[in-house]
Amino acid sequence: MSTAGLYTLIASEPFGVTTNPRWLGGKVLLYSLAIAAGLGIRRTLRPFGAAFGAVMAGSAGPETEPVLRRSVNGCLPYVWAIWLSVLLAALLGVVKPFADL
């Protein structure tokens, strides 16, 4: 996905389109960033399941809460990246900068 976005930004007539769709290339790149951030969330939450299972089973110890806190707090940058990239992609779709060049 990001390869197609970069190609659309770099090529003079990407995919034979002559209407300068550079805004679309930026939009594709932003969506690929959102997907990558989602994968980052999945990776960061990997230790969360076992720790939360221990809490639910009543066998959580003092080492469980830092694991939960680190997992949840570690996801915040990825969540912000998703929100920002989706909002910017929507803005690009509305504004379509450089479409008339």
PDB file of N, CA and C in Angstrom:
ATOM      1  N   MET A   1       0.810  -1.186   0.000  1.00  0.00           N
ATOM      2  CA  MET A   1       0.000   0.000   0.000  1.00  0.00           C
ATOM      3  C   MET A   1       0.857   1.255   0.000  1.00  0.00           C
ATOM      4  N   SER A   2       1.876   1.256   0.841  1.00  0.00           N
ATOM      5  CA  SER A   2       2.708   2.453   0.903  1.00  0.00           C
ATOM      6  C   SER A   2       3.513   2.624  -0.386  1.00  0.00           C
ATOM      7  N   THR A   3       3.816   1.528  -1.074  1.00  0.00           N
ATOM      8  CA  THR A   3       4.523   1.625  -2.346  1.00  0.00           C
ATOM      9  C   THR A   3       3.658   2.348  -3.376  1.00  0.00           C
ATOM     10  N   ALA A   4       2.377   2.009  -3.426  1.00  0.00           N
ATOM     11  CA  ALA A   4       1.465   2.688  -4.350  1.00  0.00           C
ATOM     12  C   ALA A   4       1.332   4.165  -3.996  1.00  0.00           C
ATOM     13  N   GLY A   5       1.290   4.481  -2.722  1.00  0.00           N
ATOM     14  CA  GLY A   5       1.208   5.874  -2.299  1.00  0.00           C
ATOM     15  C   GLY A   5       2.447   6.658  -2.682  1.00  0.00           C
ATOM     16  N   LEU A   6       3.627   6.066  -2.468  1.00  0.00           N
ATOM     17  CA  LEU A   6       4.867   6.739  -2.849  1.00  0.00           C
ATOM     18  C   LEU A   6       4.950   6.920  -4.359  1.00  0.00           C
ATOM     19  N   TYR A   7       4.549   5.891  -5.103  1.00  0.00           N
ATOM     20  CA  TYR A   7       4.566   5.988  -6.564  1.00  0.00           C
ATOM     21  C   TYR A   7       3.653   7.117  -7.036  1.00  0.00           C
ATOM     22  N   THR A   8       2.487   7.228  -6.426  1.00  0.00           N
ATOM     23  CA  THR A   8       1.545   8.278  -6.820  1.00  0.00           C
ATOM     24  C   THR A   8       2.106   9.665  -6.506  1.00  0.00           C
ATOM     25  N   LEU A   9       2.876   9.780  -5.446  1.00  0.00           N
ATOM     26  CA  LEU A   9       3.481  11.068  -5.103  1.00  0.00           C
ATOM     27  C   LEU A   9       4.639  11.436  -6.020  1.00  0.00           C
ATOM     28  N   ILE A  10       5.393  10.428  -6.485  1.00  0.00           N
ATOM     29  CA  ILE A  10       6.630  10.683  -7.223  1.00  0.00           C
ATOM     30  C   ILE A  10       6.406  10.772  -8.727  1.00  0.00           C
ATOM     31  N   ALA A  11       5.582   9.889  -9.281  1.00  0.00           N
ATOM     32  CA  ALA A  11       5.416   9.811 -10.738  1.00  0.00           C
ATOM     33  C   ALA A  11       4.734  11.056 -11.290  1.00  0.00           C
ATOM     34  N   SER A  12       5.098  11.418 -12.521  1.00  0.00           N
ATOM     35  CA  SER A  12       4.482  12.599 -13.129  1.00  0.00           C
ATOM     36  C   SER A  12       3.049  12.311 -13.574  1.00  0.00           C
ATOM     37  N   GLU A  13       2.778  11.116 -14.070  1.00  0.00           N
ATOM     38  CA  GLU A  13       1.416  10.702 -14.439  1.00  0.00           C
ATOM     39  C   GLU A  13       1.175   9.303 -13.880  1.00  0.00           C
ATOM     40  N   PRO A  14       0.927   9.201 -12.582  1.00  0.00           N
ATOM     41  CA  PRO A  14       0.802   7.876 -11.971  1.00  0.00           C
ATOM     42  C   PRO A  14      -0.398   7.101 -12.516  1.00  0.00           C
ATOM     43  N   PHE A  15      -0.132   5.879 -12.904  1.00  0.00           N
ATOM     44  CA  PHE A  15      -1.164   4.964 -13.404  1.00  0.00           C
ATOM     45  C   PHE A  15      -1.914   5.547 -14.590  1.00  0.00           C
ATOM     46  N   GLY A  16      -1.257   6.428 -15.356  1.00  0.00           N
ATOM     47  CA  GLY A  16      -1.868   7.031 -16.521  1.00  0.00           C
ATOM     48  C   GLY A  16      -2.815   8.183 -16.225  1.00  0.00           C
ATOM     49  N   VAL A  17      -2.900   8.591 -14.986  1.00  0.00           N
ATOM     50  CA  VAL A  17      -3.799   9.682 -14.597  1.00  0.00           C
ATOM     51  C   VAL A  17      -3.094  11.007 -14.824  1.00  0.00           C
ATOM     52  N   THR A  18      -3.725  11.905 -15.538  1.00  0.00           N
ATOM     53  CA  THR A  18      -3.105  13.191 -15.850  1.00  0.00           C
ATOM     54  C   THR A  18      -3.658  14.345 -15.006  1.00  0.00           C
ATOM     55  N   THR A  19      -4.513  14.059 -14.044  1.00  0.00           N
ATOM     56  CA  THR A  19      -5.125  15.121 -13.244  1.00  0.00           C
ATOM     57  C   THR A  19      -4.388  15.385 -11.937  1.00  0.00           C
ATOM     58  N   ASN A  20      -3.145  14.948 -11.835  1.00  0.00           N
ATOM     59  CA  ASN A  20      -2.292  15.194 -10.674  1.00  0.00           C
ATOM     60  C   ASN A  20      -2.930  14.723  -9.361  1.00  0.00           C
ATOM     61  N   PRO A  21      -3.046  13.412  -9.167  1.00  0.00           N
ATOM     62  CA  PRO A  21      -3.668  12.898  -7.941  1.00  0.00           C
ATOM     63  C   PRO A  21      -2.696  12.748  -6.781  1.00  0.00           C
ATOM     64  N   ARG A  22      -1.812  13.714  -6.582  1.00  0.00           N
ATOM     65  CA  ARG A  22      -0.846  13.614  -5.484  1.00  0.00           C
ATOM     66  C   ARG A  22      -1.547  13.569  -4.124  1.00  0.00           C
ATOM     67  N   TRP A  23      -2.678  14.227  -4.002  1.00  0.00           N
ATOM     68  CA  TRP A  23      -3.441  14.179  -2.752  1.00  0.00           C
ATOM     69  C   TRP A  23      -3.873  12.745  -2.460  1.00  0.00           C
ATOM     70  N   LEU A  24      -4.175  11.982  -3.518  1.00  0.00           N
ATOM     71  CA  LEU A  24      -4.582  10.598  -3.320  1.00  0.00           C
ATOM     72  C   LEU A  24      -3.411   9.746  -2.838  1.00  0.00           C
ATOM     73  N   GLY A  25      -2.222  10.027  -3.344  1.00  0.00           N
ATOM     74  CA  GLY A  25      -1.029   9.322  -2.862  1.00  0.00           C
ATOM     75  C   GLY A  25      -0.786   9.582  -1.388  1.00  0.00           C
ATOM     76  N   GLY A  26      -0.967  10.828  -0.969  1.00  0.00           N
ATOM     77  CA  GLY A  26      -0.834  11.160   0.448  1.00  0.00           C
ATOM     78  C   GLY A  26      -1.875  10.453   1.290  1.00  0.00           C
ATOM     79  N   LYS A  27      -3.077  10.352   0.746  1.00  0.00           N
ATOM     80  CA  LYS A  27      -4.158   9.681   1.462  1.00  0.00           C
ATOM     81  C   LYS A  27      -3.860   8.189   1.638  1.00  0.00           C
ATOM     82  N   VAL A  28      -3.342   7.550   0.597  1.00  0.00           N
ATOM     83  CA  VAL A  28      -2.979   6.135   0.686  1.00  0.00           C
ATOM     84  C   VAL A  28      -1.860   5.943   1.707  1.00  0.00           C
ATOM     85  N   LEU A  29      -0.885   6.848   1.714  1.00  0.00           N
ATOM     86  CA  LEU A  29       0.195   6.754   2.704  1.00  0.00           C
ATOM     87  C   LEU A  29      -0.333   6.908   4.127  1.00  0.00           C
ATOM     88  N   LEU A  30      -1.266   7.801   4.319  1.00  0.00           N
ATOM     89  CA  LEU A  30      -1.831   7.999   5.656  1.00  0.00           C
ATOM     90  C   LEU A  30      -2.620   6.772   6.108  1.00  0.00           C
ATOM     91  N   TYR A  31      -3.342   6.149   5.194  1.00  0.00           N
ATOM     92  CA  TYR A  31      -4.065   4.933   5.564  1.00  0.00           C
ATOM     93  C   TYR A  31      -3.104   3.787   5.862  1.00  0.00           C
ATOM     94  N   SER A  32      -2.001   3.715   5.137  1.00  0.00           N
ATOM     95  CA  SER A  32      -1.023   2.669   5.449  1.00  0.00           C
ATOM     96  C   SER A  32      -0.374   2.922   6.810  1.00  0.00           C
ATOM     97  N   LEU A  33      -0.215   4.192   7.179  1.00  0.00           N
ATOM     98  CA  LEU A  33       0.273   4.519   8.529  1.00  0.00           C
ATOM     99  C   LEU A  33      -0.731   4.054   9.584  1.00  0.00           C
ATOM    100  N   ALA A  34      -2.022   4.239   9.319  1.00  0.00           N
ATOM    101  CA  ALA A  34      -3.049   3.798  10.274  1.00  0.00           C
ATOM    102  C   ALA A  34      -3.014   2.282  10.434  1.00  0.00           C
ATOM    103  N   ILE A  35      -2.817   1.566   9.349  1.00  0.00           N
ATOM    104  CA  ILE A  35      -2.743   0.104   9.425  1.00  0.00           C
ATOM    105  C   ILE A  35      -1.509  -0.328  10.204  1.00  0.00           C
ATOM    106  N   ALA A  36      -0.381   0.324   9.946  1.00  0.00           N
ATOM    107  CA  ALA A  36       0.845   0.006  10.683  1.00  0.00           C
ATOM    108  C   ALA A  36       0.681   0.296  12.176  1.00  0.00           C
ATOM    109  N   ALA A  37      -0.011   1.375  12.510  1.00  0.00           N
ATOM    110  CA  ALA A  37      -0.252   1.697  13.921  1.00  0.00           C
ATOM    111  C   ALA A  37      -1.155   0.650  14.563  1.00  0.00           C
ATOM    112  N   GLY A  38      -2.123   0.136  13.818  1.00  0.00           N
ATOM    113  CA  GLY A  38      -2.962  -0.936  14.339  1.00  0.00           C
ATOM    114  C   GLY A  38      -2.154  -2.185  14.641  1.00  0.00           C
ATOM    115  N   LEU A  39      -1.195  -2.480  13.779  1.00  0.00           N
ATOM    116  CA  LEU A  39      -0.306  -3.623  14.044  1.00  0.00           C
ATOM    117  C   LEU A  39       0.565  -3.355  15.272  1.00  0.00           C
ATOM    118  N   GLY A  40       0.964  -2.097  15.453  1.00  0.00           N
ATOM    119  CA  GLY A  40       1.731  -1.740  16.645  1.00  0.00           C
ATOM    120  C   GLY A  40       0.918  -1.946  17.917  1.00  0.00           C
ATOM    121  N   ILE A  41      -0.370  -1.650  17.857  1.00  0.00           N
ATOM    122  CA  ILE A  41      -1.245  -1.876  19.014  1.00  0.00           C
ATOM    123  C   ILE A  41      -1.310  -3.362  19.327  1.00  0.00           C
ATOM    124  N   ARG A  42      -1.478  -4.178  18.293  1.00  0.00           N
ATOM    125  CA  ARG A  42      -1.548  -5.629  18.518  1.00  0.00           C
ATOM    126  C   ARG A  42      -0.264  -6.139  19.166  1.00  0.00           C
ATOM    127  N   ARG A  43       0.882  -5.638  18.706  1.00  0.00           N
ATOM    128  CA  ARG A  43       2.165  -6.072  19.268  1.00  0.00           C
ATOM    129  C   ARG A  43       2.322  -5.601  20.713  1.00  0.00           C
ATOM    130  N   THR A  44       1.921  -4.360  20.977  1.00  0.00           N
ATOM    131  CA  THR A  44       2.075  -3.805  22.324  1.00  0.00           C
ATOM    132  C   THR A  44       1.156  -4.485  23.330  1.00  0.00           C
ATOM    133  N   LEU A  45      -0.020  -4.912  22.890  1.00  0.00           N
ATOM    134  CA  LEU A  45      -0.974  -5.555  23.799  1.00  0.00           C
ATOM    135  C   LEU A  45      -0.728  -7.049  23.991  1.00  0.00           C
ATOM    136  N   ARG A  46       0.296  -7.593  23.371  1.00  0.00           N
ATOM    137  CA  ARG A  46       0.557  -9.027  23.485  1.00  0.00           C
ATOM    138  C   ARG A  46       0.639  -9.506  24.942  1.00  0.00           C
ATOM    139  N   PRO A  47       1.370  -8.837  25.852  1.00  0.00           N
ATOM    140  CA  PRO A  47       1.431  -9.325  27.236  1.00  0.00           C
ATOM    141  C   PRO A  47       0.166  -9.027  28.053  1.00  0.00           C
ATOM    142  N   PHE A  48      -0.745  -8.226  27.509  1.00  0.00           N
ATOM    143  CA  PHE A  48      -1.940  -7.822  28.245  1.00  0.00           C
ATOM    144  C   PHE A  48      -2.849  -9.016  28.540  1.00  0.00           C
ATOM    145  N   GLY A  49      -3.017  -9.924  27.592  1.00  0.00           N
ATOM    146  CA  GLY A  49      -3.958 -11.033  27.736  1.00  0.00           C
ATOM    147  C   GLY A  49      -3.672 -11.913  28.941  1.00  0.00           C
ATOM    148  N   ALA A  50      -2.422 -12.309  29.098  1.00  0.00           N
ATOM    149  CA  ALA A  50      -2.060 -13.172  30.229  1.00  0.00           C
ATOM    150  C   ALA A  50      -2.229 -12.438  31.553  1.00  0.00           C
ATOM    151  N   ALA A  51      -1.836 -11.170  31.583  1.00  0.00           N
ATOM    152  CA  ALA A  51      -1.959 -10.402  32.826  1.00  0.00           C
ATOM    153  C   ALA A  51      -3.422 -10.187  33.177  1.00  0.00           C
ATOM    154  N   PHE A  52      -4.248  -9.878  32.196  1.00  0.00           N
ATOM    155  CA  PHE A  52      -5.671  -9.670  32.466  1.00  0.00           C
ATOM    156  C   PHE A  52      -6.334 -10.989  32.870  1.00  0.00           C
ATOM    157  N   GLY A  53      -5.905 -12.079  32.261  1.00  0.00           N
ATOM    158  CA  GLY A  53      -6.410 -13.397  32.663  1.00  0.00           C
ATOM    159  C   GLY A  53      -6.095 -13.692  34.120  1.00  0.00           C
ATOM    160  N   ALA A  54      -4.900 -13.296  34.573  1.00  0.00           N
ATOM    161  CA  ALA A  54      -4.530 -13.487  35.978  1.00  0.00           C
ATOM    162  C   ALA A  54      -5.402 -12.642  36.889  1.00  0.00           C
ATOM    163  N   VAL A  55      -5.734 -11.426  36.471  1.00  0.00           N
ATOM    164  CA  VAL A  55      -6.617 -10.566  37.267  1.00  0.00           C
ATOM    165  C   VAL A  55      -7.997 -11.207  37.375  1.00  0.00           C
ATOM    166  N   MET A  56      -8.519 -11.676  36.257  1.00  0.00           N
ATOM    167  CA  MET A  56      -9.858 -12.275  36.252  1.00  0.00           C
ATOM    168  C   MET A  56      -9.910 -13.570  37.050  1.00  0.00           C
ATOM    169  N   ALA A  57      -8.797 -14.304  37.076  1.00  0.00           N
ATOM    170  CA  ALA A  57      -8.756 -15.557  37.838  1.00  0.00           C
ATOM    171  C   ALA A  57      -8.501 -15.315  39.319  1.00  0.00           C
ATOM    172  N   GLY A  58      -8.175 -14.086  39.690  1.00  0.00           N
ATOM    173  CA  GLY A  58      -7.919 -13.772  41.092  1.00  0.00           C
ATOM    174  C   GLY A  58      -6.521 -14.131  41.530  1.00  0.00           C
ATOM    175  N   SER A  59      -5.639 -14.438  40.598  1.00  0.00           N
ATOM    176  CA  SER A  59      -4.280 -14.834  40.955  1.00  0.00           C
ATOM    177  C   SER A  59      -3.259 -13.770  40.590  1.00  0.00           C
ATOM    178  N   ALA A  60      -3.703 -12.530  40.469  1.00  0.00           N
ATOM    179  CA  ALA A  60      -2.791 -11.452  40.101  1.00  0.00           C
ATOM    180  C   ALA A  60      -1.919 -11.074  41.283  1.00  0.00           C
ATOM    181  N   GLY A  61      -0.660 -10.826  40.990  1.00  0.00           N
ATOM    182  CA  GLY A  61       0.277 -10.407  42.016  1.00  0.00           C
ATOM    183  C   GLY A  61       0.716  -8.984  41.787  1.00  0.00           C
ATOM    184  N   PRO A  62       1.687  -8.515  42.535  1.00  0.00           N
ATOM    185  CA  PRO A  62       2.162  -7.135  42.389  1.00  0.00           C
ATOM    186  C   PRO A  62       2.845  -6.882  41.032  1.00  0.00           C
ATOM    187  N   GLU A  63       3.261  -7.927  40.345  1.00  0.00           N
ATOM    188  CA  GLU A  63       3.910  -7.754  39.047  1.00  0.00           C
ATOM    189  C   GLU A  63       2.905  -7.621  37.903  1.00  0.00           C
ATOM    190  N   THR A  64       1.627  -7.848  38.189  1.00  0.00           N
ATOM    191  CA  THR A  64       0.608  -7.834  37.136  1.00  0.00           C
ATOM    192  C   THR A  64       0.230  -6.424  36.721  1.00  0.00           C
ATOM    193  N   GLU A  65       0.047  -5.532  37.680  1.00  0.00           N
ATOM    194  CA  GLU A  65      -0.399  -4.178  37.346  1.00  0.00           C
ATOM    195  C   GLU A  65       0.583  -3.416  36.468  1.00  0.00           C
ATOM    196  N   PRO A  66       1.883  -3.487  36.705  1.00  0.00           N
ATOM    197  CA  PRO A  66       2.801  -2.789  35.783  1.00  0.00           C
ATOM    198  C   PRO A  66       2.717  -3.320  34.348  1.00  0.00           C
ATOM    199  N   VAL A  67       2.463  -4.608  34.193  1.00  0.00           N
ATOM    200  CA  VAL A  67       2.329  -5.184  32.852  1.00  0.00           C
ATOM    201  C   VAL A  67       1.091  -4.612  32.172  1.00  0.00           C
ATOM    202  N   LEU A  68      -0.010  -4.550  32.905  1.00  0.00           N
ATOM    203  CA  LEU A  68      -1.241  -3.988  32.350  1.00  0.00           C
ATOM    204  C   LEU A  68      -1.069  -2.511  32.011  1.00  0.00           C
ATOM    205  N   ARG A  69      -0.485  -1.770  32.923  1.00  0.00           N
ATOM    206  CA  ARG A  69      -0.304  -0.333  32.711  1.00  0.00           C
ATOM    207  C   ARG A  69       0.619  -0.066  31.522  1.00  0.00           C
ATOM    208  N   ARG A  70       1.717  -0.812  31.442  1.00  0.00           N
ATOM    209  CA  ARG A  70       2.665  -0.625  30.342  1.00  0.00           C
ATOM    210  C   ARG A  70       2.018  -0.985  28.994  1.00  0.00           C
ATOM    211  N   SER A  71       1.201  -2.024  28.990  1.00  0.00           N
ATOM    212  CA  SER A  71       0.534  -2.434  27.746  1.00  0.00           C
ATOM    213  C   SER A  71      -0.448  -1.376  27.273  1.00  0.00           C
ATOM    214  N   VAL A  72      -1.288  -0.910  28.170  1.00  0.00           N
ATOM    215  CA  VAL A  72      -2.303   0.068  27.784  1.00  0.00           C
ATOM    216  C   VAL A  72      -1.659   1.412  27.436  1.00  0.00           C
ATOM    217  N   ASN A  73      -0.753   1.886  28.278  1.00  0.00           N
ATOM    218  CA  ASN A  73      -0.103   3.175  28.013  1.00  0.00           C
ATOM    219  C   ASN A  73       0.784   3.124  26.774  1.00  0.00           C
ATOM    220  N   GLY A  74       1.348   1.966  26.482  1.00  0.00           N
ATOM    221  CA  GLY A  74       2.179   1.823  25.296  1.00  0.00           C
ATOM    222  C   GLY A  74       1.393   1.935  24.007  1.00  0.00           C
ATOM    223  N   CYS A  75       0.088   1.725  24.083  1.00  0.00           N
ATOM    224  CA  CYS A  75      -0.760   1.817  22.892  1.00  0.00           C
ATOM    225  C   CYS A  75      -1.142   3.248  22.545  1.00  0.00           C
ATOM    226  N   LEU A  76      -1.023   4.157  23.475  1.00  0.00           N
ATOM    227  CA  LEU A  76      -1.479   5.535  23.234  1.00  0.00           C
ATOM    228  C   LEU A  76      -0.845   6.206  22.020  1.00  0.00           C
ATOM    229  N   PRO A  77       0.475   6.099  21.808  1.00  0.00           N
ATOM    230  CA  PRO A  77       1.028   6.730  20.597  1.00  0.00           C
ATOM    231  C   PRO A  77       0.436   6.144  19.313  1.00  0.00           C
ATOM    232  N   TYR A  78       0.178   4.852  19.306  1.00  0.00           N
ATOM    233  CA  TYR A  78      -0.415   4.222  18.125  1.00  0.00           C
ATOM    234  C   TYR A  78      -1.854   4.689  17.908  1.00  0.00           C
ATOM    235  N   VAL A  79      -2.592   4.829  18.989  1.00  0.00           N
ATOM    236  CA  VAL A  79      -3.974   5.308  18.881  1.00  0.00           C
ATOM    237  C   VAL A  79      -3.998   6.735  18.344  1.00  0.00           C
ATOM    238  N   TRP A  80      -3.110   7.582  18.855  1.00  0.00           N
ATOM    239  CA  TRP A  80      -3.031   8.960  18.358  1.00  0.00           C
ATOM    240  C   TRP A  80      -2.633   8.984  16.883  1.00  0.00           C
ATOM    241  N   ALA A  81      -1.714   8.097  16.500  1.00  0.00           N
ATOM    242  CA  ALA A  81      -1.294   8.032  15.089  1.00  0.00           C
ATOM    243  C   ALA A  81      -2.464   7.636  14.194  1.00  0.00           C
ATOM    244  N   ILE A  82      -3.287   6.694  14.648  1.00  0.00           N
ATOM    245  CA  ILE A  82      -4.453   6.285  13.862  1.00  0.00           C
ATOM    246  C   ILE A  82      -5.417   7.458  13.708  1.00  0.00           C
ATOM    247  N   TRP A  83      -5.748   8.105  14.810  1.00  0.00           N
ATOM    248  CA  TRP A  83      -6.694   9.223  14.746  1.00  0.00           C
ATOM    249  C   TRP A  83      -6.161  10.340  13.846  1.00  0.00           C
ATOM    250  N   LEU A  84      -4.905  10.686  14.018  1.00  0.00           N
ATOM    251  CA  LEU A  84      -4.326  11.776  13.234  1.00  0.00           C
ATOM    252  C   LEU A  84      -4.275  11.425  11.749  1.00  0.00           C
ATOM    253  N   SER A  85      -3.853  10.198  11.429  1.00  0.00           N
ATOM    254  CA  SER A  85      -3.745   9.834  10.019  1.00  0.00           C
ATOM    255  C   SER A  85      -5.117   9.751   9.351  1.00  0.00           C
ATOM    256  N   VAL A  86      -6.124   9.246  10.050  1.00  0.00           N
ATOM    257  CA  VAL A  86      -7.467   9.172   9.459  1.00  0.00           C
ATOM    258  C   VAL A  86      -8.051  10.576   9.279  1.00  0.00           C
ATOM    259  N   LEU A  87      -7.850  11.450  10.256  1.00  0.00           N
ATOM    260  CA  LEU A  87      -8.346  12.825  10.117  1.00  0.00           C
ATOM    261  C   LEU A  87      -7.640  13.568   8.984  1.00  0.00           C
ATOM    262  N   LEU A  88      -6.328  13.392   8.865  1.00  0.00           N
ATOM    263  CA  LEU A  88      -5.599  14.036   7.781  1.00  0.00           C
ATOM    264  C   LEU A  88      -5.990  13.466   6.423  1.00  0.00           C
ATOM    265  N   ALA A  89      -6.239  12.155   6.361  1.00  0.00           N
ATOM    266  CA  ALA A  89      -6.687  11.543   5.104  1.00  0.00           C
ATOM    267  C   ALA A  89      -8.049  12.091   4.700  1.00  0.00           C
ATOM    268  N   ALA A  90      -8.923  12.283   5.669  1.00  0.00           N
ATOM    269  CA  ALA A  90     -10.228  12.878   5.364  1.00  0.00           C
ATOM    270  C   ALA A  90     -10.058  14.311   4.871  1.00  0.00           C
ATOM    271  N   LEU A  91      -9.172  15.060   5.499  1.00  0.00           N
ATOM    272  CA  LEU A  91      -8.910  16.429   5.072  1.00  0.00           C
ATOM    273  C   LEU A  91      -8.369  16.467   3.643  1.00  0.00           C
ATOM    274  N   LEU A  92      -7.445  15.560   3.331  1.00  0.00           N
ATOM    275  CA  LEU A  92      -6.925  15.505   1.967  1.00  0.00           C
ATOM    276  C   LEU A  92      -8.024  15.194   0.957  1.00  0.00           C
ATOM    277  N   GLY A  93      -8.949  14.326   1.330  1.00  0.00           N
ATOM    278  CA  GLY A  93     -10.044  13.992   0.432  1.00  0.00           C
ATOM    279  C   GLY A  93     -10.992  15.157   0.184  1.00  0.00           C
ATOM    280  N   VAL A  94     -11.137  16.015   1.156  1.00  0.00           N
ATOM    281  CA  VAL A  94     -12.033  17.173   1.020  1.00  0.00           C
ATOM    282  C   VAL A  94     -11.325  18.315   0.298  1.00  0.00           C
ATOM    283  N   VAL A  95     -10.113  18.628   0.726  1.00  0.00           N
ATOM    284  CA  VAL A  95      -9.383  19.788   0.206  1.00  0.00           C
ATOM    285  C   VAL A  95      -8.749  19.490  -1.158  1.00  0.00           C
ATOM    286  N   LYS A  96      -8.230  18.287  -1.342  1.00  0.00           N
ATOM    287  CA  LYS A  96      -7.551  17.863  -2.579  1.00  0.00           C
ATOM    288  C   LYS A  96      -6.504  18.890  -3.038  1.00  0.00           C
ATOM    289  N   PRO A  97      -5.481  19.105  -2.204  1.00  0.00           N
ATOM    290  CA  PRO A  97      -4.466  20.093  -2.587  1.00  0.00           C
ATOM    291  C   PRO A  97      -3.695  19.632  -3.828  1.00  0.00           C
ATOM    292  N   PHE A  98      -3.255  20.553  -4.607  1.00  0.00           N
ATOM    293  CA  PHE A  98      -2.475  20.325  -5.825  1.00  0.00           C
ATOM    294  C   PHE A  98      -3.255  19.595  -6.911  1.00  0.00           C
ATOM    295  N   ALA A  99      -4.572  19.462  -6.786  1.00  0.00           N
ATOM    296  CA  ALA A  99      -5.362  18.747  -7.786  1.00  0.00           C
ATOM    297  C   ALA A  99      -5.432  19.523  -9.095  1.00  0.00           C
ATOM    298  N   ASP A 100      -5.289  20.817  -9.052  1.00  0.00           N
ATOM    299  CA  ASP A 100      -5.428  21.634 -10.262  1.00  0.00           C
ATOM    300  C   ASP A 100      -4.117  21.918 -10.961  1.00  0.00           C
ATOM    301  N   LEU A 101      -3.012  21.411 -10.431  1.00  0.00           N
ATOM    302  CA  LEU A 101      -1.705  21.706 -11.039  1.00  0.00           C
ATOM    303  C   LEU A 101      -1.501  20.909 -12.298  1.00  0.00           C
TER     304      LEU A 101
END
